[in-house]
Amino acid sequence: MGTKTKIAVAIAAASAAAWAGTKAFVTPQKRDEKQALQYDCPVVLAHRGGSHLAPEQTLAAFNNAADLGVDGFELDIRLTKDEEIVVFHDEYIDRTSDGSGRIADMTLEELRQFNFGHQFVDLEGNFSYRNNPQQIVTLKELFEQFPTMFVNIDMKDAPDTYEGGLMPSKLWHLLEECNAKQRVVVTSFYDEQIDRFNLYAQNEIALGAGKGEVTKAYTAYTSQFKHLYSPKVDVFQIPRHFGSVIALDTKGFIQFLNAVNVPVMYWTLDTEEEIREVLERGARGIVTDRPDIAMNVINNK
């Protein structure tokens, strides 16, 4: 046996020993159950209220989705100049209203002047909300309008901005004020923002996975050391694929997360075929722009 071969065999043996050692002494830490996630499966969340059926993140969309029978909403939040939490995705409002400007640079009163349904085109190709103005919605108003709905909240403001720095504490206090702590999931693209929020929540509120947590979980899943993975969050809301090559919707990955008490939801699914596929693989729910299609699948499952 040559020197290189001996070295390779030694490395392999050491790796096997390390794997065996960790397997024997390390038990994956499951997440404690959260009340917000104790639902009958599968769950349908209307993405921004169901943005293909009505202007996204307006009361028109949320009311329509509620009438269709969804379990809840997936929505985004930002902070205004006067520190009101509003339900909105983009940093600027050009795409969805008849005005323009940065959310963080305007007060709630100023934002109320715009029609957030101005640019919406319905399934028939009509600008159906040009004469039916839709105002921006605050998160507090949404909680009051839908007191029993499950709400998945995505903090959009970056943590290195003024508004992003305030958001975790503002959101925590609003959840307390509205008695909504047991019916929400709080998440962000930024793992740092989730950690900041949890400094207030202290694991009392269900947390969704940021980009870093998803990467950590998938790396563990595809390695020999998947048994070492201990989640920092309570639910994964993820796309079916990362980029064009990495599939996040396999039955194996779903089972891997379920084993540590972390359910998986997929976004944004708008056809019967893809909804049925992920549910058959074990997904606990879906996020959709077409709640009408999703509810038809669920009701005929």
Protein backbone atom coordinates (compact mmCIF):
# COMPACT_ATOMS: atom_id res chain seq x y z
CA MET A 1 0.00 0.00 0.00
CA GLY A 2 1.46 3.34 -1.07
CA THR A 3 1.82 6.42 1.14
CA LYS A 4 -1.08 8.29 -0.54
CA THR A 5 -3.34 5.28 -0.16
CA LYS A 6 -2.43 4.93 3.50
CA ILE A 7 -3.23 8.60 4.10
CA ALA A 8 -6.59 8.28 2.33
CA VAL A 9 -7.49 5.20 4.36
CA ALA A 10 -6.49 6.97 7.58
CA ILE A 11 -8.63 10.00 6.75
CA ALA A 12 -11.61 7.81 5.90
CA ALA A 13 -11.20 5.89 9.13
CA ALA A 14 -10.96 9.10 11.16
CA SER A 15 -14.09 10.47 9.47
CA ALA A 16 -15.98 7.27 10.16
CA ALA A 17 -14.87 7.35 13.79
CA ALA A 18 -15.95 10.98 14.14
CA TRP A 19 -19.33 10.19 12.62
CA ALA A 20 -19.81 7.18 14.88
CA GLY A 21 -18.81 9.20 17.93
CA THR A 22 -21.24 12.01 17.26
CA LYS A 23 -23.98 9.56 16.35
CA ALA A 24 -23.57 7.78 19.67
CA PHE A 25 -23.50 10.83 21.92
CA VAL A 26 -25.48 13.55 20.15
CA THR A 27 -29.27 13.61 19.95
CA PRO A 28 -30.88 16.16 17.63
CA GLN A 29 -32.69 18.84 19.61
CA LYS A 30 -36.31 19.09 18.54
CA ARG A 31 -38.13 22.41 18.63
CA ASP A 32 -40.79 22.81 21.27
CA GLU A 33 -44.30 22.89 19.86
CA LYS A 34 -45.83 26.30 19.29
CA GLN A 35 -49.56 26.89 19.53
CA ALA A 36 -49.59 28.76 16.21
CA LEU A 37 -48.36 25.62 14.43
CA GLN A 38 -50.79 23.15 15.98
CA TYR A 39 -53.14 23.09 13.02
CA ASP A 40 -54.86 20.44 10.99
CA CYS A 41 -52.97 19.85 7.76
CA PRO A 42 -52.65 20.95 5.12
CA VAL A 43 -52.71 24.70 5.61
CA VAL A 44 -53.36 27.28 2.89
CA LEU A 45 -51.93 30.77 3.31
CA ALA A 46 -52.93 33.46 0.84
CA HIS A 47 -49.74 35.13 -0.39
CA ARG A 48 -50.20 38.85 0.30
CA GLY A 49 -53.89 38.06 0.43
CA GLY A 50 -53.88 36.25 -2.92
CA SER A 51 -52.24 38.76 -5.22
CA HIS A 52 -53.54 37.30 -8.50
CA LEU A 53 -57.16 37.82 -7.47
CA ALA A 54 -57.08 41.30 -5.88
CA PRO A 55 -54.55 44.07 -5.21
CA GLU A 56 -51.86 42.57 -3.01
CA GLN A 57 -51.86 43.29 0.72
CA THR A 58 -55.08 45.32 0.64
CA LEU A 59 -58.30 44.61 2.48
CA ALA A 60 -59.86 43.67 -0.87
CA ALA A 61 -57.37 40.80 -1.16
CA PHE A 62 -57.57 39.70 2.47
CA ASN A 63 -61.36 39.73 2.51
CA ASN A 64 -61.53 37.77 -0.73
CA ALA A 65 -59.12 35.13 0.56
CA ALA A 66 -60.99 34.84 3.85
CA ASP A 67 -64.25 34.32 1.95
CA LEU A 68 -62.59 31.48 0.03
CA GLY A 69 -61.82 29.74 3.32
CA VAL A 70 -58.03 30.02 3.65
CA ASP A 71 -56.39 29.31 6.99
CA GLY A 72 -54.44 32.54 7.01
CA PHE A 73 -52.24 35.04 5.23
CA GLU A 74 -48.59 35.36 4.31
CA LEU A 75 -47.63 39.02 4.32
CA ASP A 76 -44.74 41.48 4.53
CA ILE A 77 -44.32 44.46 6.83
CA ARG A 78 -42.40 47.74 6.75
CA LEU A 79 -42.10 50.75 9.03
CA THR A 80 -43.32 54.20 7.98
CA LYS A 81 -41.68 57.54 8.77
CA ASP A 82 -43.99 57.95 11.77
CA GLU A 83 -43.16 54.39 12.89
CA GLU A 84 -46.40 52.68 11.96
CA ILE A 85 -46.15 49.05 10.87
CA VAL A 86 -47.78 48.71 7.46
CA VAL A 87 -48.46 45.62 5.39
CA PHE A 88 -46.33 46.04 2.28
CA HIS A 89 -43.59 44.20 0.39
CA ASP A 90 -41.53 46.61 -1.69
CA GLU A 91 -39.30 49.36 -0.39
CA TYR A 92 -40.95 51.75 -2.87
CA ILE A 93 -44.64 51.96 -3.74
CA ASP A 94 -44.39 52.61 -7.51
CA ARG A 95 -45.36 49.06 -8.54
CA THR A 96 -48.74 48.86 -6.82
CA SER A 97 -50.18 52.35 -6.52
CA ASP A 98 -50.83 55.57 -8.39
CA GLY A 99 -48.04 57.33 -6.48
CA SER A 100 -44.35 56.84 -5.81
CA GLY A 101 -41.91 57.08 -2.95
CA ARG A 102 -40.13 55.13 -0.27
CA ILE A 103 -42.30 53.66 2.49
CA ALA A 104 -39.87 54.67 5.24
CA ASP A 105 -39.84 58.29 4.03
CA MET A 106 -43.61 58.78 4.23
CA THR A 107 -46.09 58.94 7.08
CA LEU A 108 -49.14 56.72 7.25
CA GLU A 109 -51.35 59.71 6.45
CA GLU A 110 -49.31 60.42 3.31
CA LEU A 111 -49.50 56.79 2.23
CA ARG A 112 -53.27 56.83 2.68
CA GLN A 113 -53.50 59.26 -0.24
CA PHE A 114 -52.55 56.60 -2.80
CA ASN A 115 -54.70 53.94 -4.44
CA PHE A 116 -52.83 50.68 -3.94
CA GLY A 117 -55.05 48.96 -6.46
CA HIS A 118 -54.29 51.38 -9.28
CA GLN A 119 -51.89 49.06 -11.13
CA PHE A 120 -53.72 45.79 -10.46
CA VAL A 121 -54.81 43.80 -13.51
CA ASP A 122 -57.40 41.06 -12.89
CA LEU A 123 -57.58 37.63 -14.54
CA GLU A 124 -59.60 39.11 -17.42
CA GLY A 125 -56.97 41.77 -18.07
CA ASN A 126 -58.93 44.67 -16.59
CA PHE A 127 -57.72 47.46 -14.29
CA SER A 128 -60.61 46.60 -12.02
CA TYR A 129 -59.62 48.73 -9.02
CA ARG A 130 -59.01 52.05 -10.76
CA ASN A 131 -62.44 53.20 -9.58
CA ASN A 132 -62.36 51.21 -6.35
CA PRO A 133 -59.46 52.75 -4.39
CA GLN A 134 -57.61 50.53 -1.93
CA GLN A 135 -55.66 52.06 0.94
CA ILE A 136 -52.55 50.68 2.54
CA VAL A 137 -53.29 48.51 5.61
CA THR A 138 -51.56 48.61 8.98
CA LEU A 139 -50.73 45.35 10.70
CA LYS A 140 -52.86 46.41 13.66
CA GLU A 141 -55.86 46.92 11.38
CA LEU A 142 -55.35 43.47 9.88
CA PHE A 143 -55.26 41.83 13.32
CA GLU A 144 -58.45 43.63 14.29
CA GLN A 145 -60.23 42.80 11.02
CA PHE A 146 -59.29 39.09 11.16
CA PRO A 147 -59.05 38.16 14.86
CA THR A 148 -58.75 34.40 14.32
CA MET A 149 -56.60 34.15 11.19
CA PHE A 150 -53.14 32.61 11.20
CA VAL A 151 -50.63 35.23 9.97
CA ASN A 152 -47.13 34.62 8.65
CA ILE A 153 -45.19 37.90 8.99
CA ASP A 154 -42.03 38.68 7.04
CA MET A 155 -40.01 41.68 8.30
CA LYS A 156 -38.72 43.31 5.11
CA ASP A 157 -36.70 46.28 6.38
CA ALA A 158 -32.97 45.48 6.45
CA PRO A 159 -31.45 45.29 9.94
CA ASP A 160 -28.80 47.91 9.14
CA THR A 161 -31.42 50.61 8.44
CA TYR A 162 -33.09 52.90 10.98
CA GLU A 163 -36.50 51.36 10.37
CA GLY A 164 -35.05 47.85 10.40
CA GLY A 165 -33.42 48.52 13.74
CA LEU A 166 -36.75 49.53 15.25
CA MET A 167 -38.91 46.83 13.68
CA PRO A 168 -38.26 43.87 16.04
CA SER A 169 -39.26 45.79 19.17
CA LYS A 170 -42.16 47.57 17.44
CA LEU A 171 -43.52 44.25 16.18
CA TRP A 172 -43.15 42.54 19.55
CA HIS A 173 -45.06 45.28 21.36
CA LEU A 174 -47.81 45.26 18.71
CA LEU A 175 -48.25 41.51 19.03
CA GLU A 176 -48.63 41.95 22.78
CA GLU A 177 -51.08 44.82 22.34
CA CYS A 178 -53.23 42.88 19.87
CA ASN A 179 -53.02 39.60 21.80
CA ALA A 180 -51.78 37.96 18.60
CA LYS A 181 -48.70 36.12 19.82
CA GLN A 182 -50.24 32.66 19.53
CA ARG A 183 -51.43 32.95 15.93
CA VAL A 184 -48.39 34.28 14.09
CA VAL A 185 -45.11 33.15 12.65
CA VAL A 186 -42.42 35.85 12.45
CA THR A 187 -39.62 35.60 9.95
CA SER A 188 -37.27 37.58 7.72
CA PHE A 189 -34.89 37.03 4.84
CA TYR A 190 -32.28 38.29 7.32
CA ASP A 191 -31.42 35.76 10.04
CA GLU A 192 -30.02 38.62 12.11
CA GLN A 193 -33.45 40.26 12.17
CA ILE A 194 -35.09 37.05 13.38
CA ASP A 195 -32.50 36.80 16.17
CA ARG A 196 -33.18 40.41 17.18
CA PHE A 197 -36.90 39.78 17.34
CA ASN A 198 -36.35 36.69 19.45
CA LEU A 199 -34.45 38.75 22.02
CA TYR A 200 -37.90 40.12 22.87
CA ALA A 201 -39.94 36.99 22.14
CA GLN A 202 -37.65 34.52 23.97
CA ASN A 203 -38.96 31.62 21.85
CA GLU A 204 -42.52 32.40 22.93
CA ILE A 205 -43.53 33.09 19.31
CA ALA A 206 -43.14 30.74 16.35
CA LEU A 207 -40.17 31.70 14.18
CA GLY A 208 -39.71 31.08 10.46
CA ALA A 209 -36.43 30.29 8.76
CA GLY A 210 -34.18 32.91 7.18
CA LYS A 211 -31.75 32.25 4.36
CA GLY A 212 -28.91 31.26 6.68
CA GLU A 213 -31.01 28.70 8.59
CA VAL A 214 -32.21 27.11 5.36
CA THR A 215 -28.61 26.85 4.15
CA LYS A 216 -27.50 25.32 7.45
CA ALA A 217 -30.29 22.75 7.40
CA TYR A 218 -29.76 21.71 3.79
CA THR A 219 -25.99 21.43 4.29
CA ALA A 220 -26.57 19.16 7.29
CA TYR A 221 -29.12 17.10 5.38
CA THR A 222 -26.71 16.41 2.51
CA SER A 223 -23.79 15.54 4.81
CA GLN A 224 -22.91 12.60 7.02
CA PHE A 225 -23.62 14.72 10.07
CA LYS A 226 -27.34 15.44 9.64
CA HIS A 227 -27.89 14.13 13.18
CA LEU A 228 -26.04 17.21 14.48
CA TYR A 229 -28.59 19.66 13.13
CA SER A 230 -30.54 21.49 15.82
CA PRO A 231 -32.98 24.07 14.43
CA LYS A 232 -33.22 27.65 15.69
CA VAL A 233 -36.67 28.13 14.16
CA ASP A 234 -40.08 26.46 14.22
CA VAL A 235 -41.15 26.32 10.57
CA PHE A 236 -39.60 26.52 7.11
CA GLN A 237 -41.40 28.58 4.46
CA ILE A 238 -39.32 28.02 1.36
CA PRO A 239 -39.47 27.80 -2.44
CA ARG A 240 -39.39 24.40 -4.10
CA HIS A 241 -35.94 25.06 -5.53
CA PHE A 242 -32.93 27.14 -4.65
CA GLY A 243 -31.54 28.42 -7.92
CA SER A 244 -31.99 26.04 -10.82
CA VAL A 245 -30.34 22.91 -9.40
CA ILE A 246 -31.02 22.48 -5.67
CA ALA A 247 -34.37 20.85 -4.92
CA LEU A 248 -35.77 21.78 -1.51
CA ASP A 249 -39.04 19.92 -1.98
CA THR A 250 -37.85 16.32 -1.77
CA LYS A 251 -39.63 13.89 0.51
CA GLY A 252 -36.32 13.19 2.26
CA PHE A 253 -35.68 16.83 3.14
CA ILE A 254 -39.23 17.26 4.40
CA GLN A 255 -38.90 14.15 6.60
CA PHE A 256 -35.51 15.38 7.87
CA LEU A 257 -37.10 18.60 9.12
CA ASN A 258 -40.22 16.88 10.45
CA ALA A 259 -37.96 14.68 12.58
CA VAL A 260 -36.87 17.76 14.55
CA ASN A 261 -40.47 19.04 14.78
CA VAL A 262 -40.08 21.66 12.03
CA PRO A 263 -42.92 21.60 9.47
CA VAL A 264 -42.36 22.81 5.91
CA MET A 265 -44.49 25.14 3.79
CA TYR A 266 -43.78 25.94 0.15
CA TRP A 267 -44.27 29.17 -1.80
CA THR A 268 -45.55 30.35 -4.15
CA LEU A 269 -47.68 27.51 -5.61
CA ASP A 270 -50.52 28.39 -7.96
CA THR A 271 -51.38 25.21 -9.91
CA GLU A 272 -53.19 22.07 -8.83
CA GLU A 273 -50.29 19.89 -9.95
CA GLU A 274 -47.57 21.54 -7.87
CA ILE A 275 -49.83 21.88 -4.82
CA ARG A 276 -50.68 18.17 -4.91
CA GLU A 277 -47.02 17.22 -5.44
CA VAL A 278 -45.67 18.92 -2.32
CA LEU A 279 -48.58 17.82 -0.15
CA GLU A 280 -48.07 14.20 -1.22
CA ARG A 281 -44.41 14.52 -0.21
CA GLY A 282 -45.33 15.63 3.30
CA ALA A 283 -45.49 19.42 3.21
CA ARG A 284 -47.63 20.86 6.00
CA GLY A 285 -48.95 23.72 3.92
CA ILE A 286 -48.62 26.01 0.94
CA VAL A 287 -48.48 29.72 0.22
CA THR A 288 -50.37 30.76 -2.89
CA ASP A 289 -51.38 33.73 -5.04
CA ARG A 290 -54.40 31.69 -6.19
CA PRO A 291 -56.31 30.76 -3.03
CA ASP A 292 -59.28 29.79 -5.21
CA ILE A 293 -57.25 27.02 -6.87
CA ALA A 294 -55.61 25.97 -3.61
CA MET A 295 -58.89 25.66 -1.72
CA ASN A 296 -60.36 23.63 -4.57
CA VAL A 297 -57.45 21.18 -4.21
CA ILE A 298 -57.84 20.97 -0.44
CA ASN A 299 -61.59 20.56 -0.54
CA ASN A 300 -61.32 17.75 -3.08
CA LYS A 301 -58.27 16.06 -1.61
